[in-house]
C-alpha atoms as a PDB file:
ATOM      1  CA  MET A   1     -92.833 -77.495  56.421  1.00  0.00           C
ATOM      2  CA  LYS A   2     -95.983 -75.411  56.348  1.00  0.00           C
ATOM      3  CA  ILE A   3     -99.076 -76.759  58.066  1.00  0.00           C
ATOM      4  CA  ALA A   4    -102.537 -75.316  57.504  1.00  0.00           C
ATOM      5  CA  ARG A   5    -105.863 -75.769  59.252  1.00  0.00           C
ATOM      6  CA  PHE A   6    -108.745 -75.538  56.818  1.00  0.00           C
ATOM      7  CA  SER A   7    -112.354 -76.286  56.004  1.00  0.00           C
ATOM      8  CA  THR A   8    -114.212 -77.053  52.793  1.00  0.00           C
ATOM      9  CA  ASP A   9    -117.855 -76.771  51.795  1.00  0.00           C
ATOM     10  CA  ASP A  10    -118.485 -80.366  52.847  1.00  0.00           C
ATOM     11  CA  SER A  11    -116.192 -80.781  55.870  1.00  0.00           C
ATOM     12  CA  GLY A  12    -115.280 -79.171  59.142  1.00  0.00           C
ATOM     13  CA  PRO A  13    -111.788 -78.206  60.308  1.00  0.00           C
ATOM     14  CA  ARG A  14    -108.963 -80.446  59.078  1.00  0.00           C
ATOM     15  CA  TYR A  15    -105.196 -80.118  58.814  1.00  0.00           C
ATOM     16  CA  GLY A  16    -102.874 -80.376  55.855  1.00  0.00           C
ATOM     17  CA  ILE A  17     -99.252 -80.006  54.804  1.00  0.00           C
ATOM     18  CA  VAL A  18     -98.815 -77.334  52.149  1.00  0.00           C
ATOM     19  CA  ASP A  19     -97.350 -78.867  48.995  1.00  0.00           C
ATOM     20  CA  GLY A  20     -97.330 -76.253  46.235  1.00  0.00           C
ATOM     21  CA  ASP A  21    -100.926 -75.463  45.353  1.00  0.00           C
ATOM     22  CA  GLU A  22    -102.293 -78.470  47.242  1.00  0.00           C
ATOM     23  CA  LEU A  23    -102.787 -79.575  50.835  1.00  0.00           C
ATOM     24  CA  VAL A  24    -101.774 -83.095  51.822  1.00  0.00           C
ATOM     25  CA  VAL A  25    -104.510 -83.924  54.321  1.00  0.00           C
ATOM     26  CA  LEU A  26    -103.407 -85.061  57.778  1.00  0.00           C
ATOM     27  CA  ALA A  27    -105.242 -87.693  59.776  1.00  0.00           C
ATOM     28  CA  SER A  28    -105.550 -85.496  62.852  1.00  0.00           C
ATOM     29  CA  ASP A  29    -104.213 -82.474  64.733  1.00  0.00           C
ATOM     30  CA  PRO A  30    -100.439 -82.664  64.143  1.00  0.00           C
ATOM     31  CA  ILE A  31     -99.546 -81.052  67.467  1.00  0.00           C
ATOM     32  CA  PHE A  32    -101.152 -83.939  69.333  1.00  0.00           C
ATOM     33  CA  ARG A  33    -101.208 -86.816  66.819  1.00  0.00           C
ATOM     34  CA  GLY A  34     -98.209 -86.392  64.534  1.00  0.00           C
ATOM     35  CA  LEU A  35     -97.975 -86.133  60.760  1.00  0.00           C
ATOM     36  CA  ASP A  36     -99.758 -89.244  59.505  1.00  0.00           C
ATOM     37  CA  THR A  37    -101.551 -88.491  56.230  1.00  0.00           C
ATOM     38  CA  THR A  38    -104.809 -89.810  54.780  1.00  0.00           C
ATOM     39  CA  GLY A  39    -103.619 -89.971  51.154  1.00  0.00           C
ATOM     40  CA  GLU A  40    -106.093 -87.248  50.164  1.00  0.00           C
ATOM     41  CA  ARG A  41    -105.023 -84.029  48.468  1.00  0.00           C
ATOM     42  CA  VAL A  42    -107.098 -80.852  48.352  1.00  0.00           C
ATOM     43  CA  PRO A  43    -106.399 -77.825  46.116  1.00  0.00           C
ATOM     44  CA  VAL A  44    -105.569 -74.765  48.198  1.00  0.00           C
ATOM     45  CA  ASP A  45    -107.897 -72.589  46.120  1.00  0.00           C
ATOM     46  CA  ARG A  46    -110.860 -74.762  47.160  1.00  0.00           C
ATOM     47  CA  VAL A  47    -110.459 -74.395  50.915  1.00  0.00           C
ATOM     48  CA  LYS A  48    -110.965 -71.731  53.544  1.00  0.00           C
ATOM     49  CA  LEU A  49    -107.871 -71.295  55.663  1.00  0.00           C
ATOM     50  CA  LEU A  50    -108.646 -71.150  59.372  1.00  0.00           C
ATOM     51  CA  ALA A  51    -106.569 -70.041  62.333  1.00  0.00           C
ATOM     52  CA  PRO A  52    -103.835 -72.709  62.212  1.00  0.00           C
ATOM     53  CA  VAL A  53    -104.200 -73.322  65.952  1.00  0.00           C
ATOM     54  CA  ILE A  54    -106.861 -72.562  68.559  1.00  0.00           C
ATOM     55  CA  PRO A  55    -105.115 -72.618  71.933  1.00  0.00           C
ATOM     56  CA  ARG A  56    -106.898 -74.887  74.401  1.00  0.00           C
ATOM     57  CA  SER A  57    -105.238 -73.042  77.248  1.00  0.00           C
ATOM     58  CA  LYS A  58    -103.915 -69.543  76.600  1.00  0.00           C
ATOM     59  CA  VAL A  59    -102.368 -66.867  74.412  1.00  0.00           C
ATOM     60  CA  VAL A  60     -99.342 -65.320  76.098  1.00  0.00           C
ATOM     61  CA  CYS A  61     -98.197 -61.922  74.874  1.00  0.00           C
ATOM     62  CA  VAL A  62     -94.966 -60.002  75.402  1.00  0.00           C
ATOM     63  CA  GLY A  63     -95.265 -56.225  75.461  1.00  0.00           C
ATOM     64  CA  MET A  64     -92.676 -53.547  74.782  1.00  0.00           C
ATOM     65  CA  ASN A  65     -90.189 -56.002  73.301  1.00  0.00           C
ATOM     66  CA  TYR A  66     -88.741 -53.695  70.633  1.00  0.00           C
ATOM     67  CA  PRO A  67     -86.742 -50.636  71.762  1.00  0.00           C
ATOM     68  CA  GLU A  68     -88.379 -48.138  69.393  1.00  0.00           C
ATOM     69  CA  HIS A  69     -91.897 -49.299  70.246  1.00  0.00           C
ATOM     70  CA  LYS A  70     -91.038 -49.072  73.940  1.00  0.00           C
ATOM     71  CA  ALA A  71     -89.788 -45.516  73.373  1.00  0.00           C
ATOM     72  CA  ASP A  72     -92.881 -44.616  71.335  1.00  0.00           C
ATOM     73  CA  LEU A  73     -95.084 -45.362  74.351  1.00  0.00           C
ATOM     74  CA  ALA A  74     -92.628 -43.880  76.873  1.00  0.00           C
ATOM     75  CA  TYR A  75     -92.711 -47.120  78.810  1.00  0.00           C
ATOM     76  CA  GLU A  76     -90.431 -47.293  81.823  1.00  0.00           C
ATOM     77  CA  GLY A  77     -90.704 -50.696  83.395  1.00  0.00           C
ATOM     78  CA  PRO A  78     -88.577 -53.547  84.679  1.00  0.00           C
ATOM     79  CA  ASP A  79     -85.907 -55.222  82.589  1.00  0.00           C
ATOM     80  CA  THR A  80     -87.787 -58.538  82.634  1.00  0.00           C
ATOM     81  CA  PRO A  81     -90.312 -59.328  79.867  1.00  0.00           C
ATOM     82  CA  LEU A  82     -93.699 -57.655  80.260  1.00  0.00           C
ATOM     83  CA  ILE A  83     -96.200 -60.501  79.846  1.00  0.00           C
ATOM     84  CA  PHE A  84     -99.990 -60.630  79.724  1.00  0.00           C
ATOM     85  CA  LEU A  85    -102.739 -62.932  78.457  1.00  0.00           C
ATOM     86  CA  LYS A  86    -105.365 -62.851  75.744  1.00  0.00           C
ATOM     87  CA  PRO A  87    -108.326 -65.244  75.912  1.00  0.00           C
ATOM     88  CA  ASN A  88    -108.499 -67.924  73.240  1.00  0.00           C
ATOM     89  CA  THR A  89    -111.900 -66.481  72.254  1.00  0.00           C
ATOM     90  CA  ALA A  90    -109.970 -63.571  70.716  1.00  0.00           C
ATOM     91  CA  VAL A  91    -108.411 -65.859  68.084  1.00  0.00           C
ATOM     92  CA  ILE A  92    -109.641 -65.644  64.482  1.00  0.00           C
ATOM     93  CA  GLY A  93    -108.169 -66.849  61.204  1.00  0.00           C
ATOM     94  CA  PRO A  94    -107.013 -65.390  57.884  1.00  0.00           C
ATOM     95  CA  GLY A  95    -109.677 -63.297  56.183  1.00  0.00           C
ATOM     96  CA  ASP A  96    -111.924 -63.188  59.230  1.00  0.00           C
ATOM     97  CA  PRO A  97    -113.049 -59.676  60.170  1.00  0.00           C
ATOM     98  CA  ILE A  98    -111.628 -57.827  63.139  1.00  0.00           C
ATOM     99  CA  GLN A  99    -114.722 -56.448  64.853  1.00  0.00           C
ATOM    100  CA  ILE A 100    -114.177 -52.939  66.214  1.00  0.00           C
ATOM    101  CA  PRO A 101    -116.119 -52.510  69.478  1.00  0.00           C
ATOM    102  CA  PRO A 102    -117.999 -49.283  70.252  1.00  0.00           C
ATOM    103  CA  VAL A 103    -115.340 -47.733  72.480  1.00  0.00           C
ATOM    104  CA  GLU A 104    -113.629 -44.369  72.514  1.00  0.00           C
ATOM    105  CA  GLY A 105    -110.160 -43.984  71.052  1.00  0.00           C
ATOM    106  CA  ARG A 106    -107.847 -45.793  68.682  1.00  0.00           C
ATOM    107  CA  ILE A 107    -107.883 -49.422  67.642  1.00  0.00           C
ATOM    108  CA  VAL A 108    -104.362 -50.396  66.645  1.00  0.00           C
ATOM    109  CA  HIS A 109    -102.611 -53.301  64.956  1.00  0.00           C
ATOM    110  CA  GLU A 110     -99.507 -55.002  66.324  1.00  0.00           C
ATOM    111  CA  GLY A 111     -97.979 -57.445  63.855  1.00  0.00           C
ATOM    112  CA  GLU A 112     -95.933 -60.091  65.653  1.00  0.00           C
ATOM    113  CA  LEU A 113     -94.123 -63.396  65.318  1.00  0.00           C
ATOM    114  CA  ALA A 114     -96.043 -66.047  67.271  1.00  0.00           C
ATOM    115  CA  VAL A 115     -94.551 -69.208  68.757  1.00  0.00           C
ATOM    116  CA  VAL A 116     -96.688 -72.356  68.741  1.00  0.00           C
ATOM    117  CA  ILE A 117     -95.899 -74.602  71.702  1.00  0.00           C
ATOM    118  CA  GLY A 118     -95.582 -78.295  70.858  1.00  0.00           C
ATOM    119  CA  ARG A 119     -95.256 -80.012  74.249  1.00  0.00           C
ATOM    120  CA  VAL A 120     -95.712 -79.341  77.938  1.00  0.00           C
ATOM    121  CA  ALA A 121     -93.100 -76.843  79.086  1.00  0.00           C
ATOM    122  CA  LYS A 122     -92.339 -75.828  82.675  1.00  0.00           C
ATOM    123  CA  ARG A 123     -89.210 -74.030  83.883  1.00  0.00           C
ATOM    124  CA  ILE A 124     -87.271 -74.819  80.741  1.00  0.00           C
ATOM    125  CA  LYS A 125     -83.819 -73.471  79.960  1.00  0.00           C
ATOM    126  CA  ALA A 126     -83.326 -71.003  77.120  1.00  0.00           C
ATOM    127  CA  GLU A 127     -80.857 -73.294  75.394  1.00  0.00           C
ATOM    128  CA  ASP A 128     -83.510 -76.033  75.229  1.00  0.00           C
ATOM    129  CA  TYR A 129     -86.303 -73.845  73.836  1.00  0.00           C
ATOM    130  CA  ALA A 130     -86.450 -75.540  70.405  1.00  0.00           C
ATOM    131  CA  ASP A 131     -87.430 -78.852  72.021  1.00  0.00           C
ATOM    132  CA  TYR A 132     -90.742 -77.281  73.037  1.00  0.00           C
ATOM    133  CA  VAL A 133     -91.621 -75.366  69.850  1.00  0.00           C
ATOM    134  CA  PHE A 134     -93.913 -76.914  67.249  1.00  0.00           C
ATOM    135  CA  GLY A 135     -93.527 -73.985  64.852  1.00  0.00           C
ATOM    136  CA  TYR A 136     -94.184 -70.334  64.161  1.00  0.00           C
ATOM    137  CA  THR A 137     -97.017 -68.284  62.721  1.00  0.00           C
ATOM    138  CA  ILE A 138     -98.094 -64.639  62.417  1.00  0.00           C
ATOM    139  CA  ALA A 139    -100.357 -62.864  64.901  1.00  0.00           C
ATOM    140  CA  ASN A 140    -101.960 -59.455  65.194  1.00  0.00           C
ATOM    141  CA  ASP A 141    -102.138 -58.271  68.802  1.00  0.00           C
ATOM    142  CA  VAL A 142    -105.053 -55.911  68.165  1.00  0.00           C
ATOM    143  CA  SER A 143    -105.402 -53.358  70.954  1.00  0.00           C
ATOM    144  CA  ALA A 144    -107.817 -50.634  72.005  1.00  0.00           C
ATOM    145  CA  ARG A 145    -104.926 -48.328  72.769  1.00  0.00           C
ATOM    146  CA  ASP A 146    -106.719 -45.622  74.747  1.00  0.00           C
ATOM    147  CA  LEU A 147    -108.493 -48.199  76.907  1.00  0.00           C
ATOM    148  CA  MET A 148    -105.103 -49.579  77.930  1.00  0.00           C
ATOM    149  CA  PHE A 149    -104.287 -46.306  79.649  1.00  0.00           C
ATOM    150  CA  ALA A 150    -107.825 -45.552  80.838  1.00  0.00           C
ATOM    151  CA  ASP A 151    -108.216 -48.929  82.552  1.00  0.00           C
ATOM    152  CA  GLY A 152    -104.703 -49.052  83.978  1.00  0.00           C
ATOM    153  CA  GLN A 153    -104.399 -52.697  82.909  1.00  0.00           C
ATOM    154  CA  TRP A 154    -104.719 -54.403  79.555  1.00  0.00           C
ATOM    155  CA  ALA A 155    -107.186 -57.291  79.852  1.00  0.00           C
ATOM    156  CA  ARG A 156    -110.161 -55.492  78.294  1.00  0.00           C
ATOM    157  CA  ALA A 157    -108.188 -53.434  75.776  1.00  0.00           C
ATOM    158  CA  LYS A 158    -106.471 -56.480  74.286  1.00  0.00           C
ATOM    159  CA  GLY A 159    -109.005 -59.197  75.018  1.00  0.00           C
ATOM    160  CA  TYR A 160    -112.035 -58.370  72.878  1.00  0.00           C
ATOM    161  CA  ASP A 161    -113.387 -61.097  70.624  1.00  0.00           C
ATOM    162  CA  THR A 162    -111.512 -61.090  67.265  1.00  0.00           C
ATOM    163  CA  PHE A 163    -108.531 -59.180  68.722  1.00  0.00           C
ATOM    164  CA  CYS A 164    -106.041 -61.980  67.944  1.00  0.00           C
ATOM    165  CA  PRO A 165    -105.923 -62.840  64.222  1.00  0.00           C
ATOM    166  CA  VAL A 166    -103.526 -65.743  63.579  1.00  0.00           C
ATOM    167  CA  GLY A 167    -102.212 -67.421  60.418  1.00  0.00           C
ATOM    168  CA  PRO A 168    -102.079 -68.176  57.606  1.00  0.00           C
ATOM    169  CA  VAL A 169    -100.036 -71.332  58.383  1.00  0.00           C
ATOM    170  CA  ILE A 170     -97.595 -72.758  60.901  1.00  0.00           C
ATOM    171  CA  GLU A 171     -94.019 -72.975  59.657  1.00  0.00           C
ATOM    172  CA  THR A 172     -92.260 -75.788  61.511  1.00  0.00           C
ATOM    173  CA  GLU A 173     -88.731 -75.203  60.180  1.00  0.00           C
ATOM    174  CA  LEU A 174     -87.723 -71.656  61.007  1.00  0.00           C
ATOM    175  CA  ASP A 175     -84.964 -69.732  62.757  1.00  0.00           C
ATOM    176  CA  PRO A 176     -86.801 -66.967  64.666  1.00  0.00           C
ATOM    177  CA  SER A 177     -83.763 -64.762  65.207  1.00  0.00           C
ATOM    178  CA  GLY A 178     -83.662 -62.646  62.019  1.00  0.00           C
ATOM    179  CA  LEU A 179     -87.116 -62.301  60.458  1.00  0.00           C
ATOM    180  CA  ASP A 180     -88.515 -59.159  58.868  1.00  0.00           C
ATOM    181  CA  ILE A 181     -91.988 -58.176  60.125  1.00  0.00           C
ATOM    182  CA  ARG A 182     -93.952 -55.737  57.971  1.00  0.00           C
ATOM    183  CA  THR A 183     -97.457 -54.409  58.561  1.00  0.00           C
ATOM    184  CA  PHE A 184     -99.636 -52.624  55.994  1.00  0.00           C
ATOM    185  CA  VAL A 185    -103.055 -50.993  56.152  1.00  0.00           C
ATOM    186  CA  ASP A 186    -104.775 -50.854  52.765  1.00  0.00           C
ATOM    187  CA  GLY A 187    -101.334 -51.361  51.215  1.00  0.00           C
ATOM    188  CA  GLU A 188     -99.720 -48.457  53.101  1.00  0.00           C
ATOM    189  CA  PRO A 189     -96.611 -49.420  55.128  1.00  0.00           C
ATOM    190  CA  ARG A 190     -97.244 -48.884  58.844  1.00  0.00           C
ATOM    191  CA  ARG A 191     -94.824 -50.955  60.890  1.00  0.00           C
ATOM    192  CA  ALA A 192     -91.507 -52.605  60.089  1.00  0.00           C
ATOM    193  CA  GLY A 193     -88.795 -54.326  62.059  1.00  0.00           C
ATOM    194  CA  ASN A 194     -86.738 -57.465  62.425  1.00  0.00           C
ATOM    195  CA  THR A 195     -86.833 -60.052  65.180  1.00  0.00           C
ATOM    196  CA  SER A 196     -83.106 -59.502  65.671  1.00  0.00           C
ATOM    197  CA  GLN A 197     -84.107 -56.206  67.316  1.00  0.00           C
ATOM    198  CA  MET A 198     -86.148 -57.857  70.065  1.00  0.00           C
ATOM    199  CA  ILE A 199     -85.073 -56.947  73.583  1.00  0.00           C
ATOM    200  CA  HIS A 200     -85.876 -60.469  74.760  1.00  0.00           C
ATOM    201  CA  SER A 201     -85.233 -63.279  72.276  1.00  0.00           C
ATOM    202  CA  VAL A 202     -87.526 -66.249  71.723  1.00  0.00           C
ATOM    203  CA  PRO A 203     -85.360 -68.560  73.889  1.00  0.00           C
ATOM    204  CA  GLU A 204     -85.315 -65.990  76.703  1.00  0.00           C
ATOM    205  CA  ILE A 205     -89.075 -65.490  76.450  1.00  0.00           C
ATOM    206  CA  LEU A 206     -89.807 -69.210  76.692  1.00  0.00           C
ATOM    207  CA  GLU A 207     -87.556 -69.585  79.706  1.00  0.00           C
ATOM    208  CA  PHE A 208     -89.208 -66.631  81.466  1.00  0.00           C
ATOM    209  CA  VAL A 209     -92.813 -67.464  80.605  1.00  0.00           C
ATOM    210  CA  SER A 210     -92.506 -71.162  81.452  1.00  0.00           C
ATOM    211  CA  ASP A 211     -91.312 -70.198  84.922  1.00  0.00           C
ATOM    212  CA  VAL A 212     -94.605 -68.365  85.442  1.00  0.00           C
ATOM    213  CA  TRP A 213     -97.100 -70.611  83.648  1.00  0.00           C
ATOM    214  CA  THR A 214     -97.017 -74.200  82.507  1.00  0.00           C
ATOM    215  CA  LEU A 215     -97.152 -74.030  78.714  1.00  0.00           C
ATOM    216  CA  LEU A 216     -99.374 -76.602  77.033  1.00  0.00           C
ATOM    217  CA  PRO A 217     -99.380 -77.949  73.462  1.00  0.00           C
ATOM    218  CA  GLY A 218    -101.106 -75.448  71.194  1.00  0.00           C
ATOM    219  CA  ASP A 219    -100.459 -72.438  73.410  1.00  0.00           C
ATOM    220  CA  LEU A 220     -99.388 -69.335  71.530  1.00  0.00           C
ATOM    221  CA  ILE A 221     -96.714 -66.859  72.569  1.00  0.00           C
ATOM    222  CA  LEU A 222     -96.791 -63.485  70.799  1.00  0.00           C
ATOM    223  CA  THR A 223     -93.327 -61.954  70.921  1.00  0.00           C
ATOM    224  CA  GLY A 224     -93.982 -58.219  70.537  1.00  0.00           C
ATOM    225  CA  THR A 225     -94.368 -55.672  67.763  1.00  0.00           C
ATOM    226  CA  PRO A 226     -91.921 -53.267  66.120  1.00  0.00           C
ATOM    227  CA  SER A 227     -92.658 -49.547  66.174  1.00  0.00           C
ATOM    228  CA  GLY A 228     -94.854 -47.735  63.688  1.00  0.00           C
ATOM    229  CA  LEU A 229     -98.199 -46.057  63.091  1.00  0.00           C
ATOM    230  CA  GLY A 230    -100.860 -48.376  64.387  1.00  0.00           C
ATOM    231  CA  GLY A 231    -104.415 -47.128  63.867  1.00  0.00           C
ATOM    232  CA  PHE A 232    -107.117 -48.582  61.610  1.00  0.00           C
ATOM    233  CA  VAL A 233    -110.832 -48.080  61.137  1.00  0.00           C
ATOM    234  CA  ASP A 234    -113.909 -49.745  59.695  1.00  0.00           C
ATOM    235  CA  GLY A 235    -113.449 -50.849  56.079  1.00  0.00           C
ATOM    236  CA  GLN A 236    -109.650 -51.056  56.110  1.00  0.00           C
ATOM    237  CA  THR A 237    -107.577 -54.229  55.665  1.00  0.00           C
ATOM    238  CA  ILE A 238    -104.552 -55.070  57.791  1.00  0.00           C
ATOM    239  CA  GLU A 239    -101.814 -57.231  56.270  1.00  0.00           C
ATOM    240  CA  ILE A 240     -98.814 -58.589  58.175  1.00  0.00           C
ATOM    241  CA  THR A 241     -95.993 -60.328  56.340  1.00  0.00           C
ATOM    242  CA  ILE A 242     -93.247 -62.504  57.787  1.00  0.00           C
ATOM    243  CA  GLU A 243     -91.335 -64.576  55.259  1.00  0.00           C
ATOM    244  CA  PRO A 244     -91.237 -67.509  54.858  1.00  0.00           C
ATOM    245  CA  ILE A 245     -94.502 -67.888  56.803  1.00  0.00           C
ATOM    246  CA  GLY A 246     -96.529 -65.706  54.440  1.00  0.00           C
ATOM    247  CA  THR A 247     -99.075 -62.912  54.889  1.00  0.00           C
ATOM    248  CA  LEU A 248    -101.914 -62.656  57.404  1.00  0.00           C
ATOM    249  CA  SER A 249    -104.728 -60.465  56.073  1.00  0.00           C
ATOM    250  CA  ASN A 250    -107.873 -59.361  57.919  1.00  0.00           C
ATOM    251  CA  PRO A 251    -110.502 -56.723  57.151  1.00  0.00           C
ATOM    252  CA  ALA A 252    -111.829 -54.477  59.903  1.00  0.00           C
ATOM    253  CA  ILE A 253    -115.521 -53.804  60.463  1.00  0.00           C
ATOM    254  CA  ASN A 254    -117.525 -52.026  63.132  1.00  0.00           C
ATOM    255  CA  ARG A 255    -119.061 -54.584  65.417  1.00  0.00           C
ATOM    256  CA  PRO A 256    -122.676 -55.302  64.448  1.00  0.00           C
END
């Protein structure tokens, strides 16, 4: 089941189940209130898709989770997952522009599978991970790559406003263990990989992260990016595809 968050010309954010070329409108946020419907249907081509979830708490990211990407950056760290946070103010939706700040160096894309947490999770076991997952979506862990190394930590380089595009929908029925992730810039292939290549699997990540932080409904966990060429500039469009979720597309602009 695909769930979208959307707006129309005459209404604010609402939620709907994707049914062909229509959205079956939900009565409320499905993460918190379930899947009761209103009986209304809205054509998909008449809505603006929004980020399918805005975390009320946090965006957790896993770095260096694909061997080739880890080798690309010559990272030599511990065997445990490398985790960090993005603020929820970094989250934007499909079609929203990534605003490039006036900083030196490269701005790079990192197309990733994102886990949407469905219930409070603390110190869970890997084998129970599915009980705490609402679904999956696509995320772009945008990074100011040179700032990462200049600052010596990643909060600024990965935390700018608009640096976490998410969407286009949440897929609630998905096996995360063998999904192709492909990233394009203006149609040119840039990154490609499969979640089967992850060093730390989704169940392992949830077990590790929930030992550190209590995970709340709506929290996002970004699971890492495959290797590839990552830079983009003003005027280019970044597209990330994970089937069967779909394609997340965002243009890039210099920050006004």
